[in-house]
């Protein structure tokens, strides 16, 4: 009987690890998307270094994505909390 419990615990741990890896993959994909969008929006001519306008544009672009993502995440959390009560 102990063996079945151990297998169940192993399966649960494996499922947790897979979920963590899926979350990491989604996060990495989102970062690549941010980089692509912001690069296309802000970088006119790639060079050996970024000028101050390009740096500011990239920073603002990424900050807007982060703010939007946090806002959406918070809104979904509110919806879930209201639905749970």
PDB file of N, CA and C in Angstrom:
ATOM      1  N   UNK A   1       0.820  -1.194   0.000  1.00  0.00           N
ATOM      2  CA  UNK A   1       0.000   0.000   0.000  1.00  0.00           C
ATOM      3  C   UNK A   1       0.866   1.260   0.000  1.00  0.00           C
ATOM      4  N   UNK A   2       1.988   1.244   0.713  1.00  0.00           N
ATOM      5  CA  UNK A   2       2.856   2.411   0.765  1.00  0.00           C
ATOM      6  C   UNK A   2       3.373   2.762  -0.618  1.00  0.00           C
ATOM      7  N   UNK A   3       3.589   1.745  -1.450  1.00  0.00           N
ATOM      8  CA  UNK A   3       4.118   1.962  -2.784  1.00  0.00           C
ATOM      9  C   UNK A   3       3.132   2.777  -3.622  1.00  0.00           C
ATOM     10  N   UNK A   4       1.849   2.518  -3.497  1.00  0.00           N
ATOM     11  CA  UNK A   4       0.837   3.266  -4.241  1.00  0.00           C
ATOM     12  C   UNK A   4       0.823   4.726  -3.808  1.00  0.00           C
ATOM     13  N   UNK A   5       0.968   4.983  -2.532  1.00  0.00           N
ATOM     14  CA  UNK A   5       1.027   6.354  -2.032  1.00  0.00           C
ATOM     15  C   UNK A   5       2.252   7.079  -2.543  1.00  0.00           C
ATOM     16  N   UNK A   6       3.359   6.373  -2.624  1.00  0.00           N
ATOM     17  CA  UNK A   6       4.600   6.953  -3.131  1.00  0.00           C
ATOM     18  C   UNK A   6       4.461   7.298  -4.613  1.00  0.00           C
ATOM     19  N   UNK A   7       3.830   6.396  -5.377  1.00  0.00           N
ATOM     20  CA  UNK A   7       3.603   6.653  -6.804  1.00  0.00           C
ATOM     21  C   UNK A   7       2.692   7.860  -6.997  1.00  0.00           C
ATOM     22  N   UNK A   8       1.684   7.978  -6.155  1.00  0.00           N
ATOM     23  CA  UNK A   8       0.773   9.114  -6.228  1.00  0.00           C
ATOM     24  C   UNK A   8       1.499  10.419  -5.925  1.00  0.00           C
ATOM     25  N   UNK A   9       2.358  10.397  -4.915  1.00  0.00           N
ATOM     26  CA  UNK A   9       3.139  11.583  -4.557  1.00  0.00           C
ATOM     27  C   UNK A   9       4.100  11.934  -5.686  1.00  0.00           C
ATOM     28  N   UNK A  10       4.716  10.919  -6.296  1.00  0.00           N
ATOM     29  CA  UNK A  10       5.621  11.154  -7.415  1.00  0.00           C
ATOM     30  C   UNK A  10       4.876  11.758  -8.602  1.00  0.00           C
ATOM     31  N   UNK A  11       3.679  11.250  -8.871  1.00  0.00           N
ATOM     32  CA  UNK A  11       2.876  11.774  -9.969  1.00  0.00           C
ATOM     33  C   UNK A  11       2.465  13.221  -9.709  1.00  0.00           C
ATOM     34  N   UNK A  12       2.115  13.533  -8.478  1.00  0.00           N
ATOM     35  CA  UNK A  12       1.732  14.900  -8.125  1.00  0.00           C
ATOM     36  C   UNK A  12       2.927  15.838  -8.270  1.00  0.00           C
ATOM     37  N   UNK A  13       4.094  15.387  -7.859  1.00  0.00           N
ATOM     38  CA  UNK A  13       5.309  16.202  -7.975  1.00  0.00           C
ATOM     39  C   UNK A  13       5.665  16.420  -9.445  1.00  0.00           C
ATOM     40  N   UNK A  14       5.542  15.383 -10.237  1.00  0.00           N
ATOM     41  CA  UNK A  14       5.803  15.493 -11.671  1.00  0.00           C
ATOM     42  C   UNK A  14       4.831  16.476 -12.314  1.00  0.00           C
ATOM     43  N   UNK A  15       3.567  16.395 -11.930  1.00  0.00           N
ATOM     44  CA  UNK A  15       2.559  17.309 -12.457  1.00  0.00           C
ATOM     45  C   UNK A  15       2.880  18.753 -12.062  1.00  0.00           C
ATOM     46  N   UNK A  16       3.340  18.950 -10.846  1.00  0.00           N
ATOM     47  CA  UNK A  16       3.717  20.288 -10.390  1.00  0.00           C
ATOM     48  C   UNK A  16       4.909  20.812 -11.188  1.00  0.00           C
ATOM     49  N   UNK A  17       5.906  19.960 -11.410  1.00  0.00           N
ATOM     50  CA  UNK A  17       7.086  20.369 -12.173  1.00  0.00           C
ATOM     51  C   UNK A  17       6.724  20.717 -13.618  1.00  0.00           C
ATOM     52  N   UNK A  18       5.836  19.937 -14.206  1.00  0.00           N
ATOM     53  CA  UNK A  18       5.393  20.220 -15.573  1.00  0.00           C
ATOM     54  C   UNK A  18       4.667  21.561 -15.618  1.00  0.00           C
ATOM     55  N   UNK A  19       3.828  21.831 -14.641  1.00  0.00           N
ATOM     56  CA  UNK A  19       3.105  23.106 -14.585  1.00  0.00           C
ATOM     57  C   UNK A  19       4.077  24.273 -14.454  1.00  0.00           C
ATOM     58  N   UNK A  20       5.114  24.113 -13.641  1.00  0.00           N
ATOM     59  CA  UNK A  20       6.121  25.164 -13.471  1.00  0.00           C
ATOM     60  C   UNK A  20       6.852  25.406 -14.791  1.00  0.00           C
ATOM     61  N   UNK A  21       7.214  24.334 -15.476  1.00  0.00           N
ATOM     62  CA  UNK A  21       7.910  24.472 -16.755  1.00  0.00           C
ATOM     63  C   UNK A  21       7.011  25.112 -17.810  1.00  0.00           C
ATOM     64  N   UNK A  22       5.724  24.755 -17.818  1.00  0.00           N
ATOM     65  CA  UNK A  22       4.793  25.380 -18.760  1.00  0.00           C
ATOM     66  C   UNK A  22       4.670  26.870 -18.479  1.00  0.00           C
ATOM     67  N   UNK A  23       4.609  27.236 -17.212  1.00  0.00           N
ATOM     68  CA  UNK A  23       4.534  28.648 -16.835  1.00  0.00           C
ATOM     69  C   UNK A  23       5.806  29.376 -17.263  1.00  0.00           C
ATOM     70  N   UNK A  24       6.944  28.748 -17.060  1.00  0.00           N
ATOM     71  CA  UNK A  24       8.220  29.350 -17.466  1.00  0.00           C
ATOM     72  C   UNK A  24       8.250  29.538 -18.982  1.00  0.00           C
ATOM     73  N   UNK A  25       7.772  28.554 -19.732  1.00  0.00           N
ATOM     74  CA  UNK A  25       7.748  28.661 -21.192  1.00  0.00           C
ATOM     75  C   UNK A  25       6.828  29.793 -21.644  1.00  0.00           C
ATOM     76  N   UNK A  26       5.665  29.944 -20.999  1.00  0.00           N
ATOM     77  CA  UNK A  26       4.744  31.043 -21.341  1.00  0.00           C
ATOM     78  C   UNK A  26       5.396  32.388 -21.050  1.00  0.00           C
ATOM     79  N   UNK A  27       6.068  32.492 -19.921  1.00  0.00           N
ATOM     80  CA  UNK A  27       6.740  33.728 -19.541  1.00  0.00           C
ATOM     81  C   UNK A  27       7.836  34.065 -20.559  1.00  0.00           C
ATOM     82  N   UNK A  28       8.647  33.081 -20.920  1.00  0.00           N
ATOM     83  CA  UNK A  28       9.714  33.295 -21.892  1.00  0.00           C
ATOM     84  C   UNK A  28       9.138  33.717 -23.237  1.00  0.00           C
ATOM     85  N   UNK A  29       8.067  33.085 -23.653  1.00  0.00           N
ATOM     86  CA  UNK A  29       7.413  33.450 -24.908  1.00  0.00           C
ATOM     87  C   UNK A  29       6.902  34.883 -24.867  1.00  0.00           C
ATOM     88  N   UNK A  30       6.319  35.266 -23.740  1.00  0.00           N
ATOM     89  CA  UNK A  30       5.806  36.628 -23.581  1.00  0.00           C
ATOM     90  C   UNK A  30       6.950  37.640 -23.645  1.00  0.00           C
ATOM     91  N   UNK A  31       8.071  37.336 -23.022  1.00  0.00           N
ATOM     92  CA  UNK A  31       9.231  38.226 -23.060  1.00  0.00           C
ATOM     93  C   UNK A  31       9.728  38.386 -24.493  1.00  0.00           C
ATOM     94  N   UNK A  32       9.800  37.285 -25.232  1.00  0.00           N
ATOM     95  CA  UNK A  32      10.240  37.369 -26.629  1.00  0.00           C
ATOM     96  C   UNK A  32       9.269  38.224 -27.447  1.00  0.00           C
ATOM     97  N   UNK A  33       7.985  38.081 -27.174  1.00  0.00           N
ATOM     98  CA  UNK A  33       6.987  38.891 -27.868  1.00  0.00           C
ATOM     99  C   UNK A  33       7.189  40.372 -27.548  1.00  0.00           C
ATOM    100  N   UNK A  34       7.394  40.699 -26.263  1.00  0.00           N
ATOM    101  CA  UNK A  34       7.660  42.092 -25.861  1.00  0.00           C
ATOM    102  C   UNK A  34       8.863  42.639 -26.614  1.00  0.00           C
ATOM    103  N   UNK A  35       9.930  41.844 -26.642  1.00  0.00           N
ATOM    104  CA  UNK A  35      11.151  42.292 -27.290  1.00  0.00           C
ATOM    105  C   UNK A  35      10.923  42.575 -28.772  1.00  0.00           C
ATOM    106  N   UNK A  36      10.200  41.699 -29.435  1.00  0.00           N
ATOM    107  CA  UNK A  36       9.922  41.874 -30.856  1.00  0.00           C
ATOM    108  C   UNK A  36       9.109  43.132 -31.127  1.00  0.00           C
ATOM    109  N   UNK A  37       8.019  43.280 -30.390  1.00  0.00           N
ATOM    110  CA  UNK A  37       7.137  44.437 -30.585  1.00  0.00           C
ATOM    111  C   UNK A  37       7.890  45.730 -30.286  1.00  0.00           C
ATOM    112  N   UNK A  38       8.590  45.772 -29.175  1.00  0.00           N
ATOM    113  CA  UNK A  38       9.299  46.992 -28.786  1.00  0.00           C
ATOM    114  C   UNK A  38      10.459  47.281 -29.739  1.00  0.00           C
ATOM    115  N   UNK A  39      11.143  46.250 -30.189  1.00  0.00           N
ATOM    116  CA  UNK A  39      12.229  46.448 -31.152  1.00  0.00           C
ATOM    117  C   UNK A  39      11.676  47.065 -32.433  1.00  0.00           C
ATOM    118  N   UNK A  40      10.603  46.473 -32.955  1.00  0.00           N
ATOM    119  CA  UNK A  40      10.010  46.994 -34.196  1.00  0.00           C
ATOM    120  C   UNK A  40       9.523  48.426 -34.031  1.00  0.00           C
ATOM    121  N   UNK A  41       9.003  48.740 -32.852  1.00  0.00           N
ATOM    122  CA  UNK A  41       8.466  50.076 -32.593  1.00  0.00           C
ATOM    123  C   UNK A  41       9.568  51.114 -32.390  1.00  0.00           C
ATOM    124  N   UNK A  42      10.652  50.734 -31.742  1.00  0.00           N
ATOM    125  CA  UNK A  42      11.617  51.729 -31.254  1.00  0.00           C
ATOM    126  C   UNK A  42      12.944  51.803 -32.010  1.00  0.00           C
ATOM    127  N   UNK A  43      13.380  50.727 -32.611  1.00  0.00           N
ATOM    128  CA  UNK A  43      14.725  50.715 -33.194  1.00  0.00           C
ATOM    129  C   UNK A  43      14.626  50.950 -34.700  1.00  0.00           C
ATOM    130  N   UNK A  44      15.118  52.131 -35.103  1.00  0.00           N
ATOM    131  CA  UNK A  44      15.106  52.468 -36.533  1.00  0.00           C
ATOM    132  C   UNK A  44      16.285  51.821 -37.249  1.00  0.00           C
ATOM    133  N   UNK A  45      17.478  52.085 -36.733  1.00  0.00           N
ATOM    134  CA  UNK A  45      18.705  51.561 -37.337  1.00  0.00           C
ATOM    135  C   UNK A  45      19.561  50.936 -36.243  1.00  0.00           C
ATOM    136  N   UNK A  46      19.707  49.614 -36.262  1.00  0.00           N
ATOM    137  CA  UNK A  46      20.566  48.983 -35.257  1.00  0.00           C
ATOM    138  C   UNK A  46      22.003  49.483 -35.404  1.00  0.00           C
ATOM    139  N   UNK A  47      22.626  49.743 -34.290  1.00  0.00           N
ATOM    140  CA  UNK A  47      24.013  50.185 -34.296  1.00  0.00           C
ATOM    141  C   UNK A  47      24.769  49.537 -33.157  1.00  0.00           C
ATOM    142  N   UNK A  48      25.955  50.037 -32.895  1.00  0.00           N
ATOM    143  CA  UNK A  48      26.776  49.449 -31.839  1.00  0.00           C
ATOM    144  C   UNK A  48      26.260  49.822 -30.453  1.00  0.00           C
ATOM    145  N   UNK A  49      25.485  50.920 -30.355  1.00  0.00           N
ATOM    146  CA  UNK A  49      24.869  51.281 -29.074  1.00  0.00           C
ATOM    147  C   UNK A  49      23.564  52.036 -29.333  1.00  0.00           C
ATOM    148  N   UNK A  50      22.728  52.098 -28.311  1.00  0.00           N
ATOM    149  CA  UNK A  50      21.427  52.748 -28.444  1.00  0.00           C
ATOM    150  C   UNK A  50      21.537  54.220 -28.095  1.00  0.00           C
ATOM    151  N   UNK A  51      20.844  55.060 -28.868  1.00  0.00           N
ATOM    152  CA  UNK A  51      20.808  56.470 -28.487  1.00  0.00           C
ATOM    153  C   UNK A  51      19.761  56.651 -27.384  1.00  0.00           C
ATOM    154  N   UNK A  52      19.751  57.833 -26.775  1.00  0.00           N
ATOM    155  CA  UNK A  52      18.874  58.052 -25.620  1.00  0.00           C
ATOM    156  C   UNK A  52      17.404  57.965 -25.997  1.00  0.00           C
ATOM    157  N   UNK A  53      17.026  58.399 -27.196  1.00  0.00           N
ATOM    158  CA  UNK A  53      15.637  58.317 -27.635  1.00  0.00           C
ATOM    159  C   UNK A  53      15.191  56.857 -27.753  1.00  0.00           C
ATOM    160  N   UNK A  54      16.048  56.037 -28.335  1.00  0.00           N
ATOM    161  CA  UNK A  54      15.727  54.615 -28.490  1.00  0.00           C
ATOM    162  C   UNK A  54      15.649  53.932 -27.133  1.00  0.00           C
ATOM    163  N   UNK A  55      16.584  54.238 -26.246  1.00  0.00           N
ATOM    164  CA  UNK A  55      16.553  53.671 -24.894  1.00  0.00           C
ATOM    165  C   UNK A  55      15.261  54.032 -24.177  1.00  0.00           C
ATOM    166  N   UNK A  56      14.886  55.303 -24.258  1.00  0.00           N
ATOM    167  CA  UNK A  56      13.657  55.752 -23.592  1.00  0.00           C
ATOM    168  C   UNK A  56      12.437  55.066 -24.201  1.00  0.00           C
ATOM    169  N   UNK A  57      12.414  54.950 -25.520  1.00  0.00           N
ATOM    170  CA  UNK A  57      11.294  54.287 -26.192  1.00  0.00           C
ATOM    171  C   UNK A  57      11.181  52.832 -25.741  1.00  0.00           C
ATOM    172  N   UNK A  58      12.304  52.115 -25.725  1.00  0.00           N
ATOM    173  CA  UNK A  58      12.295  50.710 -25.301  1.00  0.00           C
ATOM    174  C   UNK A  58      11.828  50.575 -23.852  1.00  0.00           C
ATOM    175  N   UNK A  59      12.334  51.434 -22.975  1.00  0.00           N
ATOM    176  CA  UNK A  59      11.934  51.378 -21.567  1.00  0.00           C
ATOM    177  C   UNK A  59      10.442  51.638 -21.420  1.00  0.00           C
ATOM    178  N   UNK A  60       9.936  52.656 -22.096  1.00  0.00           N
ATOM    179  CA  UNK A  60       8.506  52.974 -22.023  1.00  0.00           C
ATOM    180  C   UNK A  60       7.656  51.844 -22.600  1.00  0.00           C
ATOM    181  N   UNK A  61       8.101  51.275 -23.698  1.00  0.00           N
ATOM    182  CA  UNK A  61       7.359  50.183 -24.344  1.00  0.00           C
ATOM    183  C   UNK A  61       7.241  48.989 -23.398  1.00  0.00           C
ATOM    184  N   UNK A  62       8.362  48.579 -22.825  1.00  0.00           N
ATOM    185  CA  UNK A  62       8.354  47.426 -21.917  1.00  0.00           C
ATOM    186  C   UNK A  62       7.528  47.743 -20.675  1.00  0.00           C
ATOM    187  N   UNK A  63       7.674  48.948 -20.143  1.00  0.00           N
ATOM    188  CA  UNK A  63       6.896  49.326 -18.960  1.00  0.00           C
ATOM    189  C   UNK A  63       5.403  49.293 -19.229  1.00  0.00           C
ATOM    190  N   UNK A  64       4.975  49.714 -20.412  1.00  0.00           N
ATOM    191  CA  UNK A  64       3.544  49.647 -20.753  1.00  0.00           C
ATOM    192  C   UNK A  64       3.068  48.202 -20.783  1.00  0.00           C
ATOM    193  N   UNK A  65       3.875  47.304 -21.358  1.00  0.00           N
ATOM    194  CA  UNK A  65       3.509  45.889 -21.386  1.00  0.00           C
ATOM    195  C   UNK A  65       3.400  45.329 -19.976  1.00  0.00           C
ATOM    196  N   UNK A  66       4.365  45.668 -19.124  1.00  0.00           N
ATOM    197  CA  UNK A  66       4.348  45.160 -17.751  1.00  0.00           C
ATOM    198  C   UNK A  66       3.126  45.698 -17.007  1.00  0.00           C
ATOM    199  N   UNK A  67       2.881  47.004 -17.131  1.00  0.00           N
ATOM    200  CA  UNK A  67       1.718  47.599 -16.461  1.00  0.00           C
ATOM    201  C   UNK A  67       0.418  46.965 -16.936  1.00  0.00           C
ATOM    202  N   UNK A  68       0.313  46.764 -18.242  1.00  0.00           N
ATOM    203  CA  UNK A  68      -0.898  46.158 -18.806  1.00  0.00           C
ATOM    204  C   UNK A  68      -1.067  44.730 -18.314  1.00  0.00           C
ATOM    205  N   UNK A  69       0.014  43.968 -18.314  1.00  0.00           N
ATOM    206  CA  UNK A  69      -0.042  42.584 -17.853  1.00  0.00           C
ATOM    207  C   UNK A  69      -0.461  42.520 -16.388  1.00  0.00           C
ATOM    208  N   UNK A  70       0.110  43.390 -15.559  1.00  0.00           N
ATOM    209  CA  UNK A  70      -0.263  43.412 -14.143  1.00  0.00           C
ATOM    210  C   UNK A  70      -1.721  43.811 -13.964  1.00  0.00           C
ATOM    211  N   UNK A  71      -2.170  44.785 -14.733  1.00  0.00           N
ATOM    212  CA  UNK A  71      -3.556  45.229 -14.650  1.00  0.00           C
ATOM    213  C   UNK A  71      -4.520  44.104 -15.021  1.00  0.00           C
ATOM    214  N   UNK A  72      -4.216  43.416 -16.103  1.00  0.00           N
ATOM    215  CA  UNK A  72      -5.066  42.301 -16.547  1.00  0.00           C
ATOM    216  C   UNK A  72      -5.049  41.177 -15.513  1.00  0.00           C
ATOM    217  N   UNK A  73      -3.860  40.860 -15.002  1.00  0.00           N
ATOM    218  CA  UNK A  73      -3.737  39.807 -13.995  1.00  0.00           C
ATOM    219  C   UNK A  73      -4.553  40.147 -12.751  1.00  0.00           C
ATOM    220  N   UNK A  74      -4.444  41.400 -12.293  1.00  0.00           N
ATOM    221  CA  UNK A  74      -5.211  41.823 -11.117  1.00  0.00           C
ATOM    222  C   UNK A  74      -6.715  41.764 -11.383  1.00  0.00           C
ATOM    223  N   UNK A  75      -7.119  42.155 -12.577  1.00  0.00           N
ATOM    224  CA  UNK A  75      -8.545  42.120 -12.917  1.00  0.00           C
ATOM    225  C   UNK A  75      -9.073  40.684 -12.908  1.00  0.00           C
ATOM    226  N   UNK A  76      -8.301  39.751 -13.491  1.00  0.00           N
ATOM    227  CA  UNK A  76      -8.720  38.346 -13.478  1.00  0.00           C
ATOM    228  C   UNK A  76      -8.778  37.818 -12.047  1.00  0.00           C
ATOM    229  N   UNK A  77      -7.840  38.222 -11.214  1.00  0.00           N
ATOM    230  CA  UNK A  77      -7.848  37.790  -9.808  1.00  0.00           C
ATOM    231  C   UNK A  77      -9.105  38.289  -9.111  1.00  0.00           C
ATOM    232  N   UNK A  78      -9.513  39.527  -9.388  1.00  0.00           N
ATOM    233  CA  UNK A  78     -10.736  40.076  -8.801  1.00  0.00           C
ATOM    234  C   UNK A  78     -11.959  39.293  -9.270  1.00  0.00           C
ATOM    235  N   UNK A  79     -11.994  38.959 -10.537  1.00  0.00           N
ATOM    236  CA  UNK A  79     -13.117  38.204 -11.098  1.00  0.00           C
ATOM    237  C   UNK A  79     -13.207  36.825 -10.439  1.00  0.00           C
ATOM    238  N   UNK A  80     -12.056  36.176 -10.299  1.00  0.00           N
ATOM    239  CA  UNK A  80     -12.021  34.846  -9.673  1.00  0.00           C
ATOM    240  C   UNK A  80     -12.470  34.924  -8.224  1.00  0.00           C
ATOM    241  N   UNK A  81     -12.010  35.952  -7.493  1.00  0.00           N
ATOM    242  CA  UNK A  81     -12.396  36.097  -6.099  1.00  0.00           C
ATOM    243  C   UNK A  81     -13.897  36.328  -5.971  1.00  0.00           C
ATOM    244  N   UNK A  82     -14.458  37.169  -6.834  1.00  0.00           N
ATOM    245  CA  UNK A  82     -15.895  37.435  -6.780  1.00  0.00           C
ATOM    246  C   UNK A  82     -16.702  36.200  -7.135  1.00  0.00           C
ATOM    247  N   UNK A  83     -16.195  35.430  -8.090  1.00  0.00           N
ATOM    248  CA  UNK A  83     -16.882  34.213  -8.507  1.00  0.00           C
ATOM    249  C   UNK A  83     -16.836  33.138  -7.448  1.00  0.00           C
ATOM    250  N   UNK A  84     -15.802  33.168  -6.612  1.00  0.00           N
ATOM    251  CA  UNK A  84     -15.635  32.151  -5.572  1.00  0.00           C
ATOM    252  C   UNK A  84     -16.476  32.408  -4.350  1.00  0.00           C
ATOM    253  N   UNK A  85     -17.032  33.626  -4.236  1.00  0.00           N
ATOM    254  CA  UNK A  85     -17.801  33.959  -3.030  1.00  0.00           C
ATOM    255  C   UNK A  85     -19.260  33.942  -3.300  1.00  0.00           C
TER     256      UNK A  85
END
